[in-house]
Amino acid sequence: MIVLIIILYIILFIYHNINIKKETFINNNSIYNIIKKQKINKTKYNKNKIYNEYKNCKNCSLVLYQIKNNNLDIKDKNNINPRIHNKRIDYITSLIKETLKKYKIGDMIFIVSLRDNLPNLKISYLGPVYEENKNSLAIPSNWWAYFTKSDNRLFIPSLFDQIINEYKNKNTNQKKDNRIVFRGTNNCELRRKVRKLSKLTPKLVDVELPIGKSDKNYIPNDNLISNYQYYFVLRGRGKWTGSINQFSLANGTLFKIEENSKQPIELLLEPDIDYVSINNNLSNFREKVNLVANKNLMNQMKNNLEKKSNIFFTSDNIMKYMYYCLINLYD
């Protein structure tokens, strides 16, 4: 009998630890390593070539910036939708200006792409995400929506750190719901597929696509973060979702449906170490959501995510990241 009990304990130990991959994260140079992961085809700095690429991209939404004597200016804007792009421009501009207060950068011109879909420019540039076979270094252009106040959409270092601390303090409460949650609009086939699959495991997964705030399935984002501890990271109509930045600070575990487009935080995180990685075609969906029962694994991933988020989401390190982007943009 004693032997059987010992064997049972061994089996339980193996079950709870077999899926835990070893954390390879090293704090030193972690911000610079995000740059190294972005294998763009860096071009030699050529002012005329950059300007020509900017002019010739007729259907692109671009901003042409100049740094001169360590001051930033906007030289030109192309195909701007004010309703969508102005806040991104203001945020990026303020972020780079604050970066220049801390770091010295040589004179240069460079392009920032504003649309979610990256253009096929022949020169290296800055954009909202990194994708293989594109020349974009990812910058946090959409953070105005998450880490600013409604009356001031600029990057202000002290305010940024304050907002990050508010996220962390708000999300340290005891979470009760053990299902993996998602709420979002019904605007793409991938979300509908995830909702359909979730009905096969209702005790593990809670996915709904409510139609407006009056829908019975609607959950305000603050309540969702406060009450749940496991979150799907799932894009909508575009190629990526900015909500991963919020959920990375939510004191929980992420179940991320992988995409080719990567934001800066996604380039720092390691699949199946810092979050549960689900194939984009959902072929391993059932297998991966079943991992939620492994509390040891979930806790380890949560701790790994928290460690990296604490490093990445500081004003000093975001400005350091922007500095690395700019000095590594060209050969």
C-alpha atoms as a PDB file:
ATOM      1  CA  MET A   1       0.000   0.000   0.000  1.00  0.00           C
ATOM      2  CA  ILE A   2       2.783   2.415   0.919  1.00  0.00           C
ATOM      3  CA  VAL A   3       4.549   1.608  -2.342  1.00  0.00           C
ATOM      4  CA  LEU A   4       1.386   2.433  -4.324  1.00  0.00           C
ATOM      5  CA  ILE A   5       1.046   5.781  -2.541  1.00  0.00           C
ATOM      6  CA  ILE A   6       4.660   6.650  -3.337  1.00  0.00           C
ATOM      7  CA  ILE A   7       4.135   5.733  -6.997  1.00  0.00           C
ATOM      8  CA  LEU A   8       1.008   7.910  -7.102  1.00  0.00           C
ATOM      9  CA  TYR A   9       2.917  10.904  -5.728  1.00  0.00           C
ATOM     10  CA  ILE A  10       5.635  10.397  -8.320  1.00  0.00           C
ATOM     11  CA  ILE A  11       3.060  10.312 -11.128  1.00  0.00           C
ATOM     12  CA  LEU A  12       1.420  13.512  -9.848  1.00  0.00           C
ATOM     13  CA  PHE A  13       4.787  15.244  -9.597  1.00  0.00           C
ATOM     14  CA  ILE A  14       5.663  14.297 -13.168  1.00  0.00           C
ATOM     15  CA  TYR A  15       2.264  15.456 -14.433  1.00  0.00           C
ATOM     16  CA  HIS A  16       2.638  18.861 -12.831  1.00  0.00           C
ATOM     17  CA  ASN A  17       6.187  19.418 -14.052  1.00  0.00           C
ATOM     18  CA  ILE A  18       6.507  17.685 -17.407  1.00  0.00           C
ATOM     19  CA  ASN A  19       5.228  20.691 -19.391  1.00  0.00           C
ATOM     20  CA  ILE A  20       7.390  23.294 -17.669  1.00  0.00           C
ATOM     21  CA  LYS A  21      10.111  24.485 -20.007  1.00  0.00           C
ATOM     22  CA  LYS A  22      13.253  25.986 -18.569  1.00  0.00           C
ATOM     23  CA  GLU A  23      13.310  29.774 -18.414  1.00  0.00           C
ATOM     24  CA  THR A  24      16.213  31.109 -20.475  1.00  0.00           C
ATOM     25  CA  PHE A  25      15.678  34.784 -19.681  1.00  0.00           C
ATOM     26  CA  ILE A  26      18.702  36.836 -18.666  1.00  0.00           C
ATOM     27  CA  ASN A  27      18.076  40.379 -17.463  1.00  0.00           C
ATOM     28  CA  ASN A  28      21.319  41.769 -18.885  1.00  0.00           C
ATOM     29  CA  ASN A  29      20.755  43.314 -22.333  1.00  0.00           C
ATOM     30  CA  SER A  30      17.144  42.059 -22.400  1.00  0.00           C
ATOM     31  CA  ILE A  31      15.927  45.268 -24.076  1.00  0.00           C
ATOM     32  CA  TYR A  32      18.607  45.140 -26.752  1.00  0.00           C
ATOM     33  CA  ASN A  33      17.795  41.470 -27.393  1.00  0.00           C
ATOM     34  CA  ILE A  34      14.335  42.540 -28.597  1.00  0.00           C
ATOM     35  CA  ILE A  35      16.091  44.410 -31.391  1.00  0.00           C
ATOM     36  CA  LYS A  36      18.294  41.412 -32.223  1.00  0.00           C
ATOM     37  CA  LYS A  37      15.230  39.206 -32.722  1.00  0.00           C
ATOM     38  CA  GLN A  38      13.954  41.468 -35.503  1.00  0.00           C
ATOM     39  CA  LYS A  39      15.771  40.211 -38.593  1.00  0.00           C
ATOM     40  CA  ILE A  40      15.153  43.124 -40.908  1.00  0.00           C
ATOM     41  CA  ASN A  41      17.162  43.833 -44.038  1.00  0.00           C
ATOM     42  CA  LYS A  42      18.940  46.896 -42.690  1.00  0.00           C
ATOM     43  CA  THR A  43      19.874  49.369 -45.397  1.00  0.00           C
ATOM     44  CA  LYS A  44      22.791  51.770 -45.476  1.00  0.00           C
ATOM     45  CA  TYR A  45      21.822  55.262 -44.473  1.00  0.00           C
ATOM     46  CA  ASN A  46      21.075  57.197 -47.640  1.00  0.00           C
ATOM     47  CA  LYS A  47      19.030  60.336 -47.218  1.00  0.00           C
ATOM     48  CA  ASN A  48      17.933  60.523 -50.868  1.00  0.00           C
ATOM     49  CA  LYS A  49      16.893  56.863 -50.979  1.00  0.00           C
ATOM     50  CA  ILE A  50      14.844  57.221 -47.783  1.00  0.00           C
ATOM     51  CA  TYR A  51      13.108  60.303 -49.129  1.00  0.00           C
ATOM     52  CA  ASN A  52      12.384  58.624 -52.478  1.00  0.00           C
ATOM     53  CA  GLU A  53      10.888  55.546 -50.768  1.00  0.00           C
ATOM     54  CA  TYR A  54       8.706  57.858 -48.711  1.00  0.00           C
ATOM     55  CA  LYS A  55       7.451  59.757 -51.795  1.00  0.00           C
ATOM     56  CA  ASN A  56       6.888  56.659 -53.920  1.00  0.00           C
ATOM     57  CA  CYS A  57       4.717  54.774 -51.396  1.00  0.00           C
ATOM     58  CA  LYS A  58       1.467  56.381 -52.552  1.00  0.00           C
ATOM     59  CA  ASN A  59      -1.026  54.280 -50.578  1.00  0.00           C
ATOM     60  CA  CYS A  60       0.981  54.183 -47.338  1.00  0.00           C
ATOM     61  CA  SER A  61       0.280  56.145 -44.173  1.00  0.00           C
ATOM     62  CA  LEU A  62       3.736  57.421 -43.262  1.00  0.00           C
ATOM     63  CA  VAL A  63       5.473  60.121 -41.277  1.00  0.00           C
ATOM     64  CA  LEU A  64       8.907  61.373 -42.264  1.00  0.00           C
ATOM     65  CA  TYR A  65      10.895  62.423 -39.191  1.00  0.00           C
ATOM     66  CA  GLN A  66      14.209  64.206 -38.841  1.00  0.00           C
ATOM     67  CA  ILE A  67      16.626  64.304 -35.938  1.00  0.00           C
ATOM     68  CA  LYS A  68      19.021  67.227 -36.154  1.00  0.00           C
ATOM     69  CA  ASN A  69      21.218  68.444 -33.306  1.00  0.00           C
ATOM     70  CA  ASN A  70      19.382  65.934 -31.099  1.00  0.00           C
ATOM     71  CA  ASN A  71      16.027  67.602 -31.754  1.00  0.00           C
ATOM     72  CA  LEU A  72      13.069  65.937 -33.465  1.00  0.00           C
ATOM     73  CA  ASP A  73      10.982  67.428 -36.254  1.00  0.00           C
ATOM     74  CA  ILE A  74       8.236  66.102 -38.521  1.00  0.00           C
ATOM     75  CA  LYS A  75       9.317  66.803 -42.087  1.00  0.00           C
ATOM     76  CA  ASP A  76       6.197  65.471 -43.804  1.00  0.00           C
ATOM     77  CA  LYS A  77       3.087  63.291 -43.462  1.00  0.00           C
ATOM     78  CA  ASN A  78       1.522  61.116 -46.132  1.00  0.00           C
ATOM     79  CA  ASN A  79      -2.030  59.732 -46.416  1.00  0.00           C
ATOM     80  CA  ILE A  80      -3.001  60.406 -42.799  1.00  0.00           C
ATOM     81  CA  ASN A  81      -6.443  59.517 -41.416  1.00  0.00           C
ATOM     82  CA  PRO A  82      -6.822  62.070 -38.571  1.00  0.00           C
ATOM     83  CA  ARG A  83      -9.345  59.975 -36.645  1.00  0.00           C
ATOM     84  CA  ILE A  84      -7.009  56.967 -36.507  1.00  0.00           C
ATOM     85  CA  HIS A  85      -3.478  58.251 -36.921  1.00  0.00           C
ATOM     86  CA  ASN A  86      -3.136  61.590 -35.124  1.00  0.00           C
ATOM     87  CA  LYS A  87      -2.997  60.059 -31.653  1.00  0.00           C
ATOM     88  CA  ARG A  88      -0.376  57.582 -32.808  1.00  0.00           C
ATOM     89  CA  ILE A  89       1.685  60.402 -34.274  1.00  0.00           C
ATOM     90  CA  ASP A  90       1.419  62.476 -31.086  1.00  0.00           C
ATOM     91  CA  TYR A  91       2.377  59.526 -28.901  1.00  0.00           C
ATOM     92  CA  ILE A  92       5.332  58.438 -31.050  1.00  0.00           C
ATOM     93  CA  THR A  93       6.579  62.013 -31.353  1.00  0.00           C
ATOM     94  CA  SER A  94       6.433  62.606 -27.600  1.00  0.00           C
ATOM     95  CA  LEU A  95       8.110  59.240 -26.904  1.00  0.00           C
ATOM     96  CA  ILE A  96      11.033  60.004 -29.225  1.00  0.00           C
ATOM     97  CA  LYS A  97      11.377  63.553 -27.858  1.00  0.00           C
ATOM     98  CA  GLU A  98      11.583  62.200 -24.307  1.00  0.00           C
ATOM     99  CA  THR A  99      14.121  59.616 -25.505  1.00  0.00           C
ATOM    100  CA  LEU A 100      16.291  62.401 -26.943  1.00  0.00           C
ATOM    101  CA  LYS A 101      16.383  64.043 -23.508  1.00  0.00           C
ATOM    102  CA  LYS A 102      18.185  60.952 -22.217  1.00  0.00           C
ATOM    103  CA  TYR A 103      20.232  59.845 -25.240  1.00  0.00           C
ATOM    104  CA  LYS A 104      22.359  61.460 -27.918  1.00  0.00           C
ATOM    105  CA  ILE A 105      21.440  60.352 -31.458  1.00  0.00           C
ATOM    106  CA  GLY A 106      23.187  61.503 -34.618  1.00  0.00           C
ATOM    107  CA  ASP A 107      21.469  63.489 -37.340  1.00  0.00           C
ATOM    108  CA  MET A 108      19.163  61.298 -39.436  1.00  0.00           C
ATOM    109  CA  ILE A 109      15.841  61.082 -41.228  1.00  0.00           C
ATOM    110  CA  PHE A 110      13.596  58.050 -40.834  1.00  0.00           C
ATOM    111  CA  ILE A 111      10.116  56.797 -41.674  1.00  0.00           C
ATOM    112  CA  VAL A 112       7.386  55.677 -39.286  1.00  0.00           C
ATOM    113  CA  SER A 113       4.530  53.617 -40.740  1.00  0.00           C
ATOM    114  CA  LEU A 114       1.181  54.094 -38.998  1.00  0.00           C
ATOM    115  CA  ARG A 115      -1.087  51.409 -40.457  1.00  0.00           C
ATOM    116  CA  ASP A 116      -1.465  47.967 -38.899  1.00  0.00           C
ATOM    117  CA  ASN A 117      -0.560  46.418 -42.270  1.00  0.00           C
ATOM    118  CA  LEU A 118       3.107  47.038 -42.999  1.00  0.00           C
ATOM    119  CA  PRO A 119       4.180  48.510 -46.357  1.00  0.00           C
ATOM    120  CA  ASN A 120       6.783  46.862 -48.586  1.00  0.00           C
ATOM    121  CA  LEU A 121       9.433  49.547 -48.326  1.00  0.00           C
ATOM    122  CA  LYS A 122      12.915  48.785 -49.620  1.00  0.00           C
ATOM    123  CA  ILE A 123      14.519  50.686 -46.757  1.00  0.00           C
ATOM    124  CA  SER A 124      14.315  49.942 -43.023  1.00  0.00           C
ATOM    125  CA  TYR A 125      11.706  51.862 -41.048  1.00  0.00           C
ATOM    126  CA  LEU A 126       9.708  51.894 -37.795  1.00  0.00           C
ATOM    127  CA  GLY A 127       6.200  50.410 -37.587  1.00  0.00           C
ATOM    128  CA  PRO A 128       3.671  49.076 -35.058  1.00  0.00           C
ATOM    129  CA  VAL A 129       4.888  45.456 -35.426  1.00  0.00           C
ATOM    130  CA  TYR A 130       7.680  43.269 -36.728  1.00  0.00           C
ATOM    131  CA  GLU A 131       7.016  40.695 -39.461  1.00  0.00           C
ATOM    132  CA  GLU A 132       9.407  38.371 -41.217  1.00  0.00           C
ATOM    133  CA  ASN A 133      10.316  39.575 -44.719  1.00  0.00           C
ATOM    134  CA  LYS A 134       9.369  43.138 -43.866  1.00  0.00           C
ATOM    135  CA  ASN A 135      11.775  45.946 -42.959  1.00  0.00           C
ATOM    136  CA  SER A 136       9.962  47.268 -39.903  1.00  0.00           C
ATOM    137  CA  LEU A 137      11.342  47.524 -36.378  1.00  0.00           C
ATOM    138  CA  ALA A 138       8.377  47.363 -33.992  1.00  0.00           C
ATOM    139  CA  ILE A 139       7.632  50.372 -31.794  1.00  0.00           C
ATOM    140  CA  PRO A 140       4.769  50.854 -29.273  1.00  0.00           C
ATOM    141  CA  SER A 141       2.731  53.225 -31.429  1.00  0.00           C
ATOM    142  CA  ASN A 142      -0.659  52.121 -30.060  1.00  0.00           C
ATOM    143  CA  TRP A 143       0.157  52.596 -26.373  1.00  0.00           C
ATOM    144  CA  TRP A 144      -1.667  55.892 -26.240  1.00  0.00           C
ATOM    145  CA  ALA A 145      -4.834  53.766 -25.972  1.00  0.00           C
ATOM    146  CA  TYR A 146      -3.640  51.881 -22.875  1.00  0.00           C
ATOM    147  CA  PHE A 147      -1.039  53.859 -20.957  1.00  0.00           C
ATOM    148  CA  THR A 148      -2.166  57.494 -21.113  1.00  0.00           C
ATOM    149  CA  LYS A 149      -4.972  59.522 -19.573  1.00  0.00           C
ATOM    150  CA  SER A 150      -7.985  60.603 -21.636  1.00  0.00           C
ATOM    151  CA  ASP A 151      -7.030  64.277 -21.282  1.00  0.00           C
ATOM    152  CA  ASN A 152      -3.383  63.744 -22.293  1.00  0.00           C
ATOM    153  CA  ARG A 153      -2.424  61.148 -24.921  1.00  0.00           C
ATOM    154  CA  LEU A 154       1.319  61.894 -24.868  1.00  0.00           C
ATOM    155  CA  PHE A 155       4.160  59.809 -23.471  1.00  0.00           C
ATOM    156  CA  ILE A 156       5.174  61.421 -20.178  1.00  0.00           C
ATOM    157  CA  PRO A 157       7.667  59.260 -18.252  1.00  0.00           C
ATOM    158  CA  SER A 158       6.350  59.916 -14.745  1.00  0.00           C
ATOM    159  CA  LEU A 159       2.728  59.498 -15.858  1.00  0.00           C
ATOM    160  CA  PHE A 160       3.569  56.296 -17.740  1.00  0.00           C
ATOM    161  CA  ASP A 161       5.141  54.751 -14.624  1.00  0.00           C
ATOM    162  CA  GLN A 162       2.169  55.873 -12.533  1.00  0.00           C
ATOM    163  CA  ILE A 163      -0.316  54.212 -14.901  1.00  0.00           C
ATOM    164  CA  ILE A 164       1.703  50.992 -14.983  1.00  0.00           C
ATOM    165  CA  ASN A 165       1.706  50.891 -11.169  1.00  0.00           C
ATOM    166  CA  GLU A 166      -2.054  51.469 -11.164  1.00  0.00           C
ATOM    167  CA  TYR A 167      -2.482  48.433 -13.434  1.00  0.00           C
ATOM    168  CA  LYS A 168      -0.354  46.311 -11.126  1.00  0.00           C
ATOM    169  CA  ASN A 169      -2.048  47.473  -7.933  1.00  0.00           C
ATOM    170  CA  LYS A 170      -5.495  46.958  -9.418  1.00  0.00           C
ATOM    171  CA  ASN A 171      -4.679  43.403 -10.434  1.00  0.00           C
ATOM    172  CA  THR A 172      -3.176  42.004  -7.246  1.00  0.00           C
ATOM    173  CA  ASN A 173      -6.553  41.017  -5.800  1.00  0.00           C
ATOM    174  CA  GLN A 174      -7.579  37.380  -5.359  1.00  0.00           C
ATOM    175  CA  LYS A 175      -8.958  36.128  -8.675  1.00  0.00           C
ATOM    176  CA  LYS A 176     -11.784  33.602  -8.544  1.00  0.00           C
ATOM    177  CA  ASP A 177     -12.665  32.356 -12.041  1.00  0.00           C
ATOM    178  CA  ASN A 178     -10.366  29.588 -13.300  1.00  0.00           C
ATOM    179  CA  ARG A 179     -11.590  29.567 -16.899  1.00  0.00           C
ATOM    180  CA  ILE A 180      -9.670  31.062 -19.820  1.00  0.00           C
ATOM    181  CA  VAL A 181     -11.562  34.181 -20.829  1.00  0.00           C
ATOM    182  CA  PHE A 182     -12.053  36.251 -23.947  1.00  0.00           C
ATOM    183  CA  ARG A 183     -14.444  39.078 -24.745  1.00  0.00           C
ATOM    184  CA  GLY A 184     -14.365  41.013 -27.994  1.00  0.00           C
ATOM    185  CA  THR A 185     -16.398  42.069 -30.983  1.00  0.00           C
ATOM    186  CA  ASN A 186     -17.581  39.517 -33.531  1.00  0.00           C
ATOM    187  CA  ASN A 187     -15.435  40.910 -36.321  1.00  0.00           C
ATOM    188  CA  CYS A 188     -13.320  38.039 -37.688  1.00  0.00           C
ATOM    189  CA  GLU A 189     -13.479  34.333 -38.485  1.00  0.00           C
ATOM    190  CA  LEU A 190     -10.651  33.414 -36.100  1.00  0.00           C
ATOM    191  CA  ARG A 191     -12.626  34.676 -33.109  1.00  0.00           C
ATOM    192  CA  ARG A 192     -15.705  32.762 -34.236  1.00  0.00           C
ATOM    193  CA  LYS A 193     -13.643  29.573 -34.517  1.00  0.00           C
ATOM    194  CA  VAL A 194     -12.276  30.042 -30.991  1.00  0.00           C
ATOM    195  CA  ARG A 195     -15.780  30.610 -29.643  1.00  0.00           C
ATOM    196  CA  LYS A 196     -17.020  27.441 -31.371  1.00  0.00           C
ATOM    197  CA  LEU A 197     -14.146  25.371 -29.947  1.00  0.00           C
ATOM    198  CA  SER A 198     -14.710  26.835 -26.496  1.00  0.00           C
ATOM    199  CA  LYS A 199     -18.186  25.290 -26.360  1.00  0.00           C
ATOM    200  CA  LEU A 200     -16.528  21.853 -26.283  1.00  0.00           C
ATOM    201  CA  THR A 201     -14.822  22.673 -22.972  1.00  0.00           C
ATOM    202  CA  PRO A 202     -17.152  25.099 -21.147  1.00  0.00           C
ATOM    203  CA  LYS A 203     -15.628  24.296 -17.758  1.00  0.00           C
ATOM    204  CA  LEU A 204     -12.215  25.427 -18.981  1.00  0.00           C
ATOM    205  CA  VAL A 205     -13.013  28.239 -21.407  1.00  0.00           C
ATOM    206  CA  ASP A 206     -15.302  31.282 -21.387  1.00  0.00           C
ATOM    207  CA  VAL A 207     -15.380  32.941 -24.823  1.00  0.00           C
ATOM    208  CA  GLU A 208     -18.168  35.237 -25.983  1.00  0.00           C
ATOM    209  CA  LEU A 209     -18.432  37.909 -28.679  1.00  0.00           C
ATOM    210  CA  PRO A 210     -21.006  40.354 -27.259  1.00  0.00           C
ATOM    211  CA  ILE A 211     -22.840  42.875 -29.403  1.00  0.00           C
ATOM    212  CA  GLY A 212     -22.383  46.084 -27.450  1.00  0.00           C
ATOM    213  CA  LYS A 213     -22.436  46.850 -23.733  1.00  0.00           C
ATOM    214  CA  SER A 214     -26.084  45.883 -23.336  1.00  0.00           C
ATOM    215  CA  ASP A 215     -25.347  42.279 -24.319  1.00  0.00           C
ATOM    216  CA  LYS A 216     -25.696  39.906 -21.334  1.00  0.00           C
ATOM    217  CA  ASN A 217     -22.259  38.455 -22.134  1.00  0.00           C
ATOM    218  CA  TYR A 218     -20.503  41.816 -22.023  1.00  0.00           C
ATOM    219  CA  ILE A 219     -17.870  42.198 -19.281  1.00  0.00           C
ATOM    220  CA  PRO A 220     -16.099  45.540 -18.700  1.00  0.00           C
ATOM    221  CA  ASN A 221     -12.359  45.156 -19.149  1.00  0.00           C
ATOM    222  CA  ASP A 222     -11.583  46.099 -15.537  1.00  0.00           C
ATOM    223  CA  ASN A 223     -13.967  43.422 -14.251  1.00  0.00           C
ATOM    224  CA  LEU A 224     -12.597  40.859 -16.672  1.00  0.00           C
ATOM    225  CA  ILE A 225      -9.032  41.445 -15.481  1.00  0.00           C
ATOM    226  CA  SER A 226     -10.064  41.512 -11.831  1.00  0.00           C
ATOM    227  CA  ASN A 227     -12.178  38.349 -11.827  1.00  0.00           C
ATOM    228  CA  TYR A 228     -10.280  36.070 -14.203  1.00  0.00           C
ATOM    229  CA  GLN A 229      -6.680  34.883 -14.081  1.00  0.00           C
ATOM    230  CA  TYR A 230      -6.295  33.256 -17.523  1.00  0.00           C
ATOM    231  CA  TYR A 231      -6.647  35.268 -20.743  1.00  0.00           C
ATOM    232  CA  PHE A 232      -6.789  34.530 -24.454  1.00  0.00           C
ATOM    233  CA  VAL A 233      -4.688  36.893 -26.563  1.00  0.00           C
ATOM    234  CA  LEU A 234      -6.695  36.909 -29.781  1.00  0.00           C
ATOM    235  CA  ARG A 235      -6.619  39.427 -32.600  1.00  0.00           C
ATOM    236  CA  GLY A 236      -9.633  40.894 -34.311  1.00  0.00           C
ATOM    237  CA  ARG A 237      -9.908  42.131 -37.882  1.00  0.00           C
ATOM    238  CA  GLY A 238      -6.266  43.218 -38.019  1.00  0.00           C
ATOM    239  CA  LYS A 239      -3.075  41.180 -37.780  1.00  0.00           C
ATOM    240  CA  TRP A 240      -2.381  41.734 -34.076  1.00  0.00           C
ATOM    241  CA  THR A 241      -4.003  42.811 -30.813  1.00  0.00           C
ATOM    242  CA  GLY A 242      -2.780  45.508 -28.450  1.00  0.00           C
ATOM    243  CA  SER A 243      -4.578  43.901 -25.491  1.00  0.00           C
ATOM    244  CA  ILE A 244      -1.527  41.717 -24.832  1.00  0.00           C
ATOM    245  CA  ASN A 245       0.101  44.800 -23.312  1.00  0.00           C
ATOM    246  CA  GLN A 246      -2.697  45.110 -20.753  1.00  0.00           C
ATOM    247  CA  PHE A 247      -2.954  41.395 -20.029  1.00  0.00           C
ATOM    248  CA  SER A 248       0.812  41.173 -19.506  1.00  0.00           C
ATOM    249  CA  LEU A 249       0.274  43.356 -16.418  1.00  0.00           C
ATOM    250  CA  ALA A 250      -2.832  41.534 -15.176  1.00  0.00           C
ATOM    251  CA  ASN A 251      -1.189  39.135 -12.705  1.00  0.00           C
ATOM    252  CA  GLY A 252      -2.352  36.134 -14.713  1.00  0.00           C
ATOM    253  CA  THR A 253      -1.425  33.664 -17.451  1.00  0.00           C
ATOM    254  CA  LEU A 254      -1.767  34.251 -21.195  1.00  0.00           C
ATOM    255  CA  PHE A 255      -3.036  31.789 -23.809  1.00  0.00           C
ATOM    256  CA  LYS A 256      -1.816  33.370 -27.010  1.00  0.00           C
ATOM    257  CA  ILE A 257      -2.979  32.471 -30.511  1.00  0.00           C
ATOM    258  CA  GLU A 258       0.200  33.028 -32.505  1.00  0.00           C
ATOM    259  CA  GLU A 259       0.450  35.562 -35.331  1.00  0.00           C
ATOM    260  CA  ASN A 260       3.219  36.512 -37.746  1.00  0.00           C
ATOM    261  CA  SER A 261       3.038  40.125 -36.580  1.00  0.00           C
ATOM    262  CA  LYS A 262       4.920  40.766 -33.319  1.00  0.00           C
ATOM    263  CA  GLN A 263       4.746  43.766 -31.005  1.00  0.00           C
ATOM    264  CA  PRO A 264       7.785  44.606 -28.843  1.00  0.00           C
ATOM    265  CA  ILE A 265       6.496  42.751 -25.765  1.00  0.00           C
ATOM    266  CA  GLU A 266       5.823  39.633 -27.877  1.00  0.00           C
ATOM    267  CA  LEU A 267       9.448  39.633 -29.007  1.00  0.00           C
ATOM    268  CA  LEU A 268      10.572  39.618 -25.379  1.00  0.00           C
ATOM    269  CA  LEU A 269       8.299  36.754 -24.325  1.00  0.00           C
ATOM    270  CA  GLU A 270       9.104  33.090 -25.031  1.00  0.00           C
ATOM    271  CA  PRO A 271       6.331  30.666 -26.091  1.00  0.00           C
ATOM    272  CA  ASP A 272       5.401  27.942 -23.586  1.00  0.00           C
ATOM    273  CA  ILE A 273       7.699  29.565 -21.033  1.00  0.00           C
ATOM    274  CA  ASP A 274       6.088  32.943 -20.455  1.00  0.00           C
ATOM    275  CA  TYR A 275       2.697  32.077 -21.964  1.00  0.00           C
ATOM    276  CA  VAL A 276       0.788  29.159 -23.460  1.00  0.00           C
ATOM    277  CA  SER A 277       1.343  29.146 -27.221  1.00  0.00           C
ATOM    278  CA  ILE A 278      -1.574  28.083 -29.467  1.00  0.00           C
ATOM    279  CA  ASN A 279      -1.095  27.477 -33.196  1.00  0.00           C
ATOM    280  CA  ASN A 280      -2.697  30.025 -35.479  1.00  0.00           C
ATOM    281  CA  ASN A 281      -4.738  27.251 -37.167  1.00  0.00           C
ATOM    282  CA  LEU A 282      -5.948  26.158 -33.690  1.00  0.00           C
ATOM    283  CA  SER A 283      -4.786  22.582 -34.322  1.00  0.00           C
ATOM    284  CA  ASN A 284      -3.519  22.261 -30.738  1.00  0.00           C
ATOM    285  CA  PHE A 285      -6.311  24.273 -29.110  1.00  0.00           C
ATOM    286  CA  ARG A 286      -7.801  21.433 -27.033  1.00  0.00           C
ATOM    287  CA  GLU A 287      -4.380  20.220 -25.909  1.00  0.00           C
ATOM    288  CA  LYS A 288      -3.267  23.677 -24.825  1.00  0.00           C
ATOM    289  CA  VAL A 289      -6.425  24.761 -22.989  1.00  0.00           C
ATOM    290  CA  ASN A 290      -6.258  21.527 -20.978  1.00  0.00           C
ATOM    291  CA  LEU A 291      -3.012  22.849 -19.490  1.00  0.00           C
ATOM    292  CA  VAL A 292      -5.078  25.239 -17.391  1.00  0.00           C
ATOM    293  CA  ALA A 293      -5.607  22.327 -14.968  1.00  0.00           C
ATOM    294  CA  ASN A 294      -1.863  22.230 -14.285  1.00  0.00           C
ATOM    295  CA  LYS A 295      -1.697  24.904 -11.581  1.00  0.00           C
ATOM    296  CA  ASN A 296       2.026  24.509 -11.079  1.00  0.00           C
ATOM    297  CA  LEU A 297       2.644  25.244 -14.752  1.00  0.00           C
ATOM    298  CA  MET A 298       0.195  28.155 -14.780  1.00  0.00           C
ATOM    299  CA  ASN A 299       1.845  29.731 -11.751  1.00  0.00           C
ATOM    300  CA  GLN A 300       5.311  29.322 -13.243  1.00  0.00           C
ATOM    301  CA  MET A 301       4.257  30.994 -16.486  1.00  0.00           C
ATOM    302  CA  LYS A 302       2.578  33.804 -14.569  1.00  0.00           C
ATOM    303  CA  ASN A 303       5.768  34.427 -12.598  1.00  0.00           C
ATOM    304  CA  ASN A 304       7.896  34.354 -15.742  1.00  0.00           C
ATOM    305  CA  LEU A 305       5.573  36.830 -17.446  1.00  0.00           C
ATOM    306  CA  GLU A 306       5.566  39.113 -14.427  1.00  0.00           C
ATOM    307  CA  LYS A 307       9.361  39.137 -14.278  1.00  0.00           C
ATOM    308  CA  LYS A 308       9.680  40.276 -17.887  1.00  0.00           C
ATOM    309  CA  SER A 309       6.763  42.725 -17.701  1.00  0.00           C
ATOM    310  CA  ASN A 310       8.323  44.404 -14.669  1.00  0.00           C
ATOM    311  CA  ILE A 311      11.455  45.029 -16.696  1.00  0.00           C
ATOM    312  CA  PHE A 312       9.850  46.022 -19.974  1.00  0.00           C
ATOM    313  CA  PHE A 313       7.044  48.288 -18.775  1.00  0.00           C
ATOM    314  CA  THR A 314       9.091  51.122 -17.271  1.00  0.00           C
ATOM    315  CA  SER A 315       9.561  54.527 -18.831  1.00  0.00           C
ATOM    316  CA  ASP A 316      13.361  54.199 -18.670  1.00  0.00           C
ATOM    317  CA  ASN A 317      13.395  50.897 -20.530  1.00  0.00           C
ATOM    318  CA  ILE A 318      10.853  51.985 -23.129  1.00  0.00           C
ATOM    319  CA  MET A 319      13.038  54.990 -23.906  1.00  0.00           C
ATOM    320  CA  LYS A 320      16.079  52.731 -23.986  1.00  0.00           C
ATOM    321  CA  TYR A 321      14.244  50.486 -26.446  1.00  0.00           C
ATOM    322  CA  MET A 322      13.405  53.464 -28.679  1.00  0.00           C
ATOM    323  CA  TYR A 323      17.050  54.541 -28.563  1.00  0.00           C
ATOM    324  CA  TYR A 324      18.155  51.073 -29.695  1.00  0.00           C
ATOM    325  CA  CYS A 325      15.565  51.118 -32.492  1.00  0.00           C
ATOM    326  CA  LEU A 326      16.855  54.397 -33.853  1.00  0.00           C
ATOM    327  CA  ILE A 327      20.582  53.674 -33.666  1.00  0.00           C
ATOM    328  CA  ASN A 328      20.078  50.198 -35.166  1.00  0.00           C
ATOM    329  CA  LEU A 329      17.744  51.220 -37.971  1.00  0.00           C
ATOM    330  CA  TYR A 330      20.462  51.581 -40.595  1.00  0.00           C
ATOM    331  CA  ASP A 331      23.851  50.041 -41.275  1.00  0.00           C
END
